[in-house]
PDB file of N, CA and C in Angstrom:
ATOM      1  N   MET A   1      74.774  83.167 100.825  1.00  0.00           N
ATOM      2  CA  MET A   1      75.554  82.237 100.034  1.00  0.00           C
ATOM      3  C   MET A   1      76.926  82.854  99.757  1.00  0.00           C
ATOM      4  N   LYS A   2      77.972  82.105 100.079  1.00  0.00           N
ATOM      5  CA  LYS A   2      79.326  82.586  99.858  1.00  0.00           C
ATOM      6  C   LYS A   2      79.879  81.955  98.583  1.00  0.00           C
ATOM      7  N   ILE A   3      80.478  82.796  97.744  1.00  0.00           N
ATOM      8  CA  ILE A   3      81.037  82.335  96.482  1.00  0.00           C
ATOM      9  C   ILE A   3      82.554  82.316  96.601  1.00  0.00           C
ATOM     10  N   ASP A   4      83.176  81.229  96.155  1.00  0.00           N
ATOM     11  CA  ASP A   4      84.636  81.131  96.152  1.00  0.00           C
ATOM     12  C   ASP A   4      85.163  81.813  94.890  1.00  0.00           C
ATOM     13  N   ILE A   5      85.802  82.953  95.076  1.00  0.00           N
ATOM     14  CA  ILE A   5      86.287  83.748  93.936  1.00  0.00           C
ATOM     15  C   ILE A   5      87.277  82.961  93.084  1.00  0.00           C
ATOM     16  N   GLN A   6      88.011  82.041  93.692  1.00  0.00           N
ATOM     17  CA  GLN A   6      89.006  81.268  92.960  1.00  0.00           C
ATOM     18  C   GLN A   6      88.373  80.280  91.985  1.00  0.00           C
ATOM     19  N   GLU A   7      87.110  79.992  92.150  1.00  0.00           N
ATOM     20  CA  GLU A   7      86.416  79.059  91.261  1.00  0.00           C
ATOM     21  C   GLU A   7      85.838  79.753  90.032  1.00  0.00           C
ATOM     22  N   HIS A   8      85.873  81.078  90.007  1.00  0.00           N
ATOM     23  CA  HIS A   8      85.318  81.809  88.868  1.00  0.00           C
ATOM     24  C   HIS A   8      86.191  81.602  87.639  1.00  0.00           C
ATOM     25  N   MET A   9      85.578  81.405  86.486  1.00  0.00           N
ATOM     26  CA  MET A   9      86.311  81.085  85.263  1.00  0.00           C
ATOM     27  C   MET A   9      87.250  82.202  84.788  1.00  0.00           C
ATOM     28  N   LEU A  10      87.034  83.422  85.211  1.00  0.00           N
ATOM     29  CA  LEU A  10      87.881  84.536  84.779  1.00  0.00           C
ATOM     30  C   LEU A  10      89.026  84.838  85.741  1.00  0.00           C
ATOM     31  N   VAL A  11      89.072  84.142  86.868  1.00  0.00           N
ATOM     32  CA  VAL A  11      90.114  84.390  87.866  1.00  0.00           C
ATOM     33  C   VAL A  11      91.207  83.339  87.695  1.00  0.00           C
ATOM     34  N   PRO A  12      92.445  83.772  87.381  1.00  0.00           N
ATOM     35  CA  PRO A  12      93.535  82.807  87.224  1.00  0.00           C
ATOM     36  C   PRO A  12      93.939  82.209  88.566  1.00  0.00           C
ATOM     37  N   LYS A  13      94.666  81.111  88.499  1.00  0.00           N
ATOM     38  CA  LYS A  13      95.132  80.429  89.701  1.00  0.00           C
ATOM     39  C   LYS A  13      96.209  81.265  90.386  1.00  0.00           C
ATOM     40  N   HIS A  14      96.024  81.532  91.678  1.00  0.00           N
ATOM     41  CA  HIS A  14      96.982  82.273  92.493  1.00  0.00           C
ATOM     42  C   HIS A  14      97.530  81.319  93.560  1.00  0.00           C
ATOM     43  N   GLU A  15      98.856  81.293  93.715  1.00  0.00           N
ATOM     44  CA  GLU A  15      99.485  80.458  94.731  1.00  0.00           C
ATOM     45  C   GLU A  15     100.543  81.269  95.469  1.00  0.00           C
ATOM     46  N   ILE A  16     100.633  81.069  96.770  1.00  0.00           N
ATOM     47  CA  ILE A  16     101.700  81.686  97.552  1.00  0.00           C
ATOM     48  C   ILE A  16     102.935  80.799  97.392  1.00  0.00           C
ATOM     49  N   MET A  17     104.041  81.408  97.007  1.00  0.00           N
ATOM     50  CA  MET A  17     105.274  80.660  96.804  1.00  0.00           C
ATOM     51  C   MET A  17     106.025  80.474  98.123  1.00  0.00           C
ATOM     52  N   THR A  18     106.691  79.332  98.259  1.00  0.00           N
ATOM     53  CA  THR A  18     107.525  79.084  99.438  1.00  0.00           C
ATOM     54  C   THR A  18     108.875  79.769  99.237  1.00  0.00           C
ATOM     55  N   GLU A  19     109.646  79.876 100.308  1.00  0.00           N
ATOM     56  CA  GLU A  19     110.983  80.474 100.223  1.00  0.00           C
ATOM     57  C   GLU A  19     111.854  79.688  99.235  1.00  0.00           C
ATOM     58  N   ASP A  20     111.759  78.363  99.254  1.00  0.00           N
ATOM     59  CA  ASP A  20     112.550  77.529  98.340  1.00  0.00           C
ATOM     60  C   ASP A  20     112.151  77.771  96.889  1.00  0.00           C
ATOM     61  N   GLU A  21     110.850  77.881  96.634  1.00  0.00           N
ATOM     62  CA  GLU A  21     110.371  78.145  95.270  1.00  0.00           C
ATOM     63  C   GLU A  21     110.864  79.502  94.776  1.00  0.00           C
ATOM     64  N   ILE A  22     110.835  80.495  95.659  1.00  0.00           N
ATOM     65  CA  ILE A  22     111.313  81.836  95.293  1.00  0.00           C
ATOM     66  C   ILE A  22     112.798  81.784  94.955  1.00  0.00           C
ATOM     67  N   ALA A  23     113.577  81.104  95.798  1.00  0.00           N
ATOM     68  CA  ALA A  23     115.023  80.994  95.568  1.00  0.00           C
ATOM     69  C   ALA A  23     115.302  80.289  94.243  1.00  0.00           C
ATOM     70  N   ASP A  24     114.592  79.207  93.958  1.00  0.00           N
ATOM     71  CA  ASP A  24     114.794  78.471  92.705  1.00  0.00           C
ATOM     72  C   ASP A  24     114.401  79.305  91.493  1.00  0.00           C
ATOM     73  N   GLU A  25     113.253  79.955  91.573  1.00  0.00           N
ATOM     74  CA  GLU A  25     112.711  80.685  90.421  1.00  0.00           C
ATOM     75  C   GLU A  25     113.527  81.929  90.081  1.00  0.00           C
ATOM     76  N   PHE A  26     114.041  82.617  91.093  1.00  0.00           N
ATOM     77  CA  PHE A  26     114.681  83.906  90.858  1.00  0.00           C
ATOM     78  C   PHE A  26     116.200  83.873  91.032  1.00  0.00           C
ATOM     79  N   SER A  27     116.787  82.684  91.123  1.00  0.00           N
ATOM     80  CA  SER A  27     118.232  82.581  91.334  1.00  0.00           C
ATOM     81  C   SER A  27     119.051  82.991  90.115  1.00  0.00           C
ATOM     82  N   ASP A  28     118.493  82.841  88.923  1.00  0.00           N
ATOM     83  CA  ASP A  28     119.280  83.114  87.710  1.00  0.00           C
ATOM     84  C   ASP A  28     118.807  84.356  86.949  1.00  0.00           C
ATOM     85  N   VAL A  29     118.122  85.249  87.639  1.00  0.00           N
ATOM     86  CA  VAL A  29     117.688  86.494  87.001  1.00  0.00           C
ATOM     87  C   VAL A  29     118.498  87.655  87.573  1.00  0.00           C
ATOM     88  N   GLU A  30     118.555  88.737  86.839  1.00  0.00           N
ATOM     89  CA  GLU A  30     119.397  89.866  87.238  1.00  0.00           C
ATOM     90  C   GLU A  30     118.637  90.952  88.004  1.00  0.00           C
ATOM     91  N   TYR A  31     117.534  90.587  88.624  1.00  0.00           N
ATOM     92  CA  TYR A  31     116.790  91.533  89.445  1.00  0.00           C
ATOM     93  C   TYR A  31     116.349  90.834  90.719  1.00  0.00           C
ATOM     94  N   ASP A  32     116.063  91.614  91.713  1.00  0.00           N
ATOM     95  CA  ASP A  32     115.609  91.095  92.994  1.00  0.00           C
ATOM     96  C   ASP A  32     114.106  90.830  92.907  1.00  0.00           C
ATOM     97  N   PHE A  33     113.651  89.720  93.454  1.00  0.00           N
ATOM     98  CA  PHE A  33     112.230  89.406  93.412  1.00  0.00           C
ATOM     99  C   PHE A  33     111.396  90.470  94.116  1.00  0.00           C
ATOM    100  N   LYS A  34     112.018  91.267  94.971  1.00  0.00           N
ATOM    101  CA  LYS A  34     111.290  92.341  95.658  1.00  0.00           C
ATOM    102  C   LYS A  34     110.904  93.468  94.705  1.00  0.00           C
ATOM    103  N   ASP A  35     111.458  93.453  93.486  1.00  0.00           N
ATOM    104  CA  ASP A  35     111.120  94.449  92.468  1.00  0.00           C
ATOM    105  C   ASP A  35     109.992  93.974  91.544  1.00  0.00           C
ATOM    106  N   LEU A  36     109.366  92.862  91.877  1.00  0.00           N
ATOM    107  CA  LEU A  36     108.249  92.360  91.074  1.00  0.00           C
ATOM    108  C   LEU A  36     107.090  93.352  91.099  1.00  0.00           C
ATOM    109  N   PRO A  37     106.206  93.273  90.108  1.00  0.00           N
ATOM    110  CA  PRO A  37     104.990  94.094  90.163  1.00  0.00           C
ATOM    111  C   PRO A  37     104.215  93.783  91.444  1.00  0.00           C
ATOM    112  N   LYS A  38     103.515  94.764  91.928  1.00  0.00           N
ATOM    113  CA  LYS A  38     102.796  94.648  93.196  1.00  0.00           C
ATOM    114  C   LYS A  38     101.344  94.223  92.984  1.00  0.00           C
ATOM    115  N   ILE A  39     100.796  93.600  94.025  1.00  0.00           N
ATOM    116  CA  ILE A  39      99.368  93.322  94.102  1.00  0.00           C
ATOM    117  C   ILE A  39      98.944  93.734  95.506  1.00  0.00           C
ATOM    118  N   LYS A  40      97.863  94.446  95.611  1.00  0.00           N
ATOM    119  CA  LYS A  40      97.414  94.993  96.899  1.00  0.00           C
ATOM    120  C   LYS A  40      96.906  93.894  97.832  1.00  0.00           C
ATOM    121  N   SER A  41      97.156  94.073  99.107  1.00  0.00           N
ATOM    122  CA  SER A  41      96.680  93.112 100.100  1.00  0.00           C
ATOM    123  C   SER A  41      95.158  93.103 100.194  1.00  0.00           C
ATOM    124  N   GLU A  42      94.523  94.155  99.670  1.00  0.00           N
ATOM    125  CA  GLU A  42      93.054  94.227  99.683  1.00  0.00           C
ATOM    126  C   GLU A  42      92.420  93.497  98.497  1.00  0.00           C
ATOM    127  N   ASP A  43      93.233  93.000  97.567  1.00  0.00           N
ATOM    128  CA  ASP A  43      92.720  92.280  96.404  1.00  0.00           C
ATOM    129  C   ASP A  43      91.903  91.078  96.899  1.00  0.00           C
ATOM    130  N   PRO A  44      90.716  90.849  96.332  1.00  0.00           N
ATOM    131  CA  PRO A  44      89.859  89.754  96.805  1.00  0.00           C
ATOM    132  C   PRO A  44      90.529  88.380  96.785  1.00  0.00           C
ATOM    133  N   VAL A  45      91.319  88.083  95.770  1.00  0.00           N
ATOM    134  CA  VAL A  45      91.979  86.774  95.720  1.00  0.00           C
ATOM    135  C   VAL A  45      93.081  86.695  96.765  1.00  0.00           C
ATOM    136  N   VAL A  46      93.815  87.783  96.985  1.00  0.00           N
ATOM    137  CA  VAL A  46      94.854  87.814  98.019  1.00  0.00           C
ATOM    138  C   VAL A  46      94.224  87.511  99.368  1.00  0.00           C
ATOM    139  N   LYS A  47      93.085  88.115  99.640  1.00  0.00           N
ATOM    140  CA  LYS A  47      92.376  87.842 100.894  1.00  0.00           C
ATOM    141  C   LYS A  47      91.912  86.390 100.959  1.00  0.00           C
ATOM    142  N   ALA A  48      91.408  85.867  99.842  1.00  0.00           N
ATOM    143  CA  ALA A  48      90.863  84.505  99.808  1.00  0.00           C
ATOM    144  C   ALA A  48      91.926  83.451 100.094  1.00  0.00           C
ATOM    145  N   ILE A  49      93.172  83.696  99.672  1.00  0.00           N
ATOM    146  CA  ILE A  49      94.232  82.707  99.907  1.00  0.00           C
ATOM    147  C   ILE A  49      95.073  83.045 101.137  1.00  0.00           C
ATOM    148  N   ASN A  50      94.650  84.066 101.872  1.00  0.00           N
ATOM    149  CA  ASN A  50      95.322  84.484 103.108  1.00  0.00           C
ATOM    150  C   ASN A  50      96.783  84.879 102.895  1.00  0.00           C
ATOM    151  N   ALA A  51      97.067  85.550 101.779  1.00  0.00           N
ATOM    152  CA  ALA A  51      98.417  86.040 101.520  1.00  0.00           C
ATOM    153  C   ALA A  51      98.668  87.290 102.358  1.00  0.00           C
ATOM    154  N   LYS A  52      99.886  87.439 102.771  1.00  0.00           N
ATOM    155  CA  LYS A  52     100.282  88.569 103.616  1.00  0.00           C
ATOM    156  C   LYS A  52     101.263  89.464 102.871  1.00  0.00           C
ATOM    157  N   SER A  53     101.426  90.677 103.364  1.00  0.00           N
ATOM    158  CA  SER A  53     102.376  91.610 102.775  1.00  0.00           C
ATOM    159  C   SER A  53     103.762  90.969 102.726  1.00  0.00           C
ATOM    160  N   GLY A  54     104.395  91.046 101.552  1.00  0.00           N
ATOM    161  CA  GLY A  54     105.716  90.452 101.364  1.00  0.00           C
ATOM    162  C   GLY A  54     105.677  89.084 100.709  1.00  0.00           C
ATOM    163  N   ASP A  55     104.506  88.425 100.701  1.00  0.00           N
ATOM    164  CA  ASP A  55     104.386  87.126 100.030  1.00  0.00           C
ATOM    165  C   ASP A  55     104.528  87.304  98.525  1.00  0.00           C
ATOM    166  N   VAL A  56     105.121  86.312  97.874  1.00  0.00           N
ATOM    167  CA  VAL A  56     105.230  86.306  96.419  1.00  0.00           C
ATOM    168  C   VAL A  56     104.197  85.328  95.889  1.00  0.00           C
ATOM    169  N   LEU A  57     103.401  85.798  94.924  1.00  0.00           N
ATOM    170  CA  LEU A  57     102.361  84.963  94.330  1.00  0.00           C
ATOM    171  C   LEU A  57     102.752  84.524  92.933  1.00  0.00           C
ATOM    172  N   ARG A  58     102.460  83.268  92.624  1.00  0.00           N
ATOM    173  CA  ARG A  58     102.589  82.749  91.265  1.00  0.00           C
ATOM    174  C   ARG A  58     101.165  82.747  90.699  1.00  0.00           C
ATOM    175  N   ILE A  59     100.984  83.437  89.589  1.00  0.00           N
ATOM    176  CA  ILE A  59      99.664  83.541  88.968  1.00  0.00           C
ATOM    177  C   ILE A  59      99.734  82.847  87.618  1.00  0.00           C
ATOM    178  N   THR A  60      98.920  81.815  87.448  1.00  0.00           N
ATOM    179  CA  THR A  60      98.936  81.012  86.230  1.00  0.00           C
ATOM    180  C   THR A  60      97.641  81.235  85.463  1.00  0.00           C
ATOM    181  N   ARG A  61      97.801  81.762  84.249  1.00  0.00           N
ATOM    182  CA  ARG A  61      96.649  82.040  83.386  1.00  0.00           C
ATOM    183  C   ARG A  61      96.650  81.077  82.213  1.00  0.00           C
ATOM    184  N   LYS A  62      95.471  80.705  81.761  1.00  0.00           N
ATOM    185  CA  LYS A  62      95.356  79.935  80.529  1.00  0.00           C
ATOM    186  C   LYS A  62      95.485  80.893  79.352  1.00  0.00           C
ATOM    187  N   SER A  63      96.206  80.444  78.328  1.00  0.00           N
ATOM    188  CA  SER A  63      96.450  81.281  77.161  1.00  0.00           C
ATOM    189  C   SER A  63      96.190  80.472  75.899  1.00  0.00           C
ATOM    190  N   GLN A  64      95.487  81.074  74.952  1.00  0.00           N
ATOM    191  CA  GLN A  64      95.219  80.384  73.695  1.00  0.00           C
ATOM    192  C   GLN A  64      96.493  80.204  72.881  1.00  0.00           C
ATOM    193  N   THR A  65      97.441  81.105  73.025  1.00  0.00           N
ATOM    194  CA  THR A  65      98.669  81.026  72.228  1.00  0.00           C
ATOM    195  C   THR A  65      99.803  80.306  72.956  1.00  0.00           C
ATOM    196  N   ALA A  66      99.897  80.449  74.264  1.00  0.00           N
ATOM    197  CA  ALA A  66     101.013  79.879  75.015  1.00  0.00           C
ATOM    198  C   ALA A  66     100.624  78.641  75.821  1.00  0.00           C
ATOM    199  N   GLY A  67      99.348  78.324  75.868  1.00  0.00           N
ATOM    200  CA  GLY A  67      98.892  77.217  76.708  1.00  0.00           C
ATOM    201  C   GLY A  67      98.689  77.687  78.133  1.00  0.00           C
ATOM    202  N   GLU A  68      99.799  78.025  78.793  1.00  0.00           N
ATOM    203  CA  GLU A  68      99.769  78.605  80.128  1.00  0.00           C
ATOM    204  C   GLU A  68     100.758  79.752  80.175  1.00  0.00           C
ATOM    205  N   PHE A  69     100.389  80.782  80.910  1.00  0.00           N
ATOM    206  CA  PHE A  69     101.269  81.928  81.091  1.00  0.00           C
ATOM    207  C   PHE A  69     101.402  82.165  82.588  1.00  0.00           C
ATOM    208  N   VAL A  70     102.636  82.159  83.096  1.00  0.00           N
ATOM    209  CA  VAL A  70     102.880  82.339  84.520  1.00  0.00           C
ATOM    210  C   VAL A  70     103.493  83.709  84.747  1.00  0.00           C
ATOM    211  N   THR A  71     102.957  84.397  85.726  1.00  0.00           N
ATOM    212  CA  THR A  71     103.495  85.705  86.119  1.00  0.00           C
ATOM    213  C   THR A  71     103.596  85.729  87.649  1.00  0.00           C
ATOM    214  N   TYR A  72     104.331  86.689  88.153  1.00  0.00           N
ATOM    215  CA  TYR A  72     104.579  86.758  89.601  1.00  0.00           C
ATOM    216  C   TYR A  72     104.250  88.150  90.106  1.00  0.00           C
ATOM    217  N   ARG A  73     103.749  88.215  91.323  1.00  0.00           N
ATOM    218  CA  ARG A  73     103.434  89.484  91.989  1.00  0.00           C
ATOM    219  C   ARG A  73     103.845  89.383  93.439  1.00  0.00           C
ATOM    220  N   ILE A  74     104.207  90.522  94.023  1.00  0.00           N
ATOM    221  CA  ILE A  74     104.517  90.570  95.455  1.00  0.00           C
ATOM    222  C   ILE A  74     103.398  91.356  96.140  1.00  0.00           C
ATOM    223  N   VAL A  75     102.932  90.833  97.246  1.00  0.00           N
ATOM    224  CA  VAL A  75     101.826  91.465  97.983  1.00  0.00           C
ATOM    225  C   VAL A  75     102.356  92.672  98.724  1.00  0.00           C
ATOM    226  N   GLU A  76     101.657  93.787  98.577  1.00  0.00           N
ATOM    227  CA  GLU A  76     102.050  95.007  99.277  1.00  0.00           C
ATOM    228  C   GLU A  76     100.867  95.565 100.065  1.00  0.00           C
ATOM    229  N   GLY A  77     101.213  96.172 101.177  1.00  0.00           N
ATOM    230  CA  GLY A  77     100.196  96.849 101.966  1.00  0.00           C
ATOM    231  C   GLY A  77      99.679  95.986 103.015  1.00  0.00           C
TER     232      GLY A  77
END
């Protein structure tokens, strides 16, 4: 039996961002998106969504205080 890790209640939503989304999201910040925190290519969710090294992920978590909290990671390795 294969379990979809993305369906687990403790795993936040991970999405691979398009080039346009990256340009829009990071156009008005004073750092390069390549300096984002890293996530390993061996991470189970990275493998599940077929993300490749260099891809930028949008990770959306549910938060009791903020409703939703979005963070970004770049795949390395």
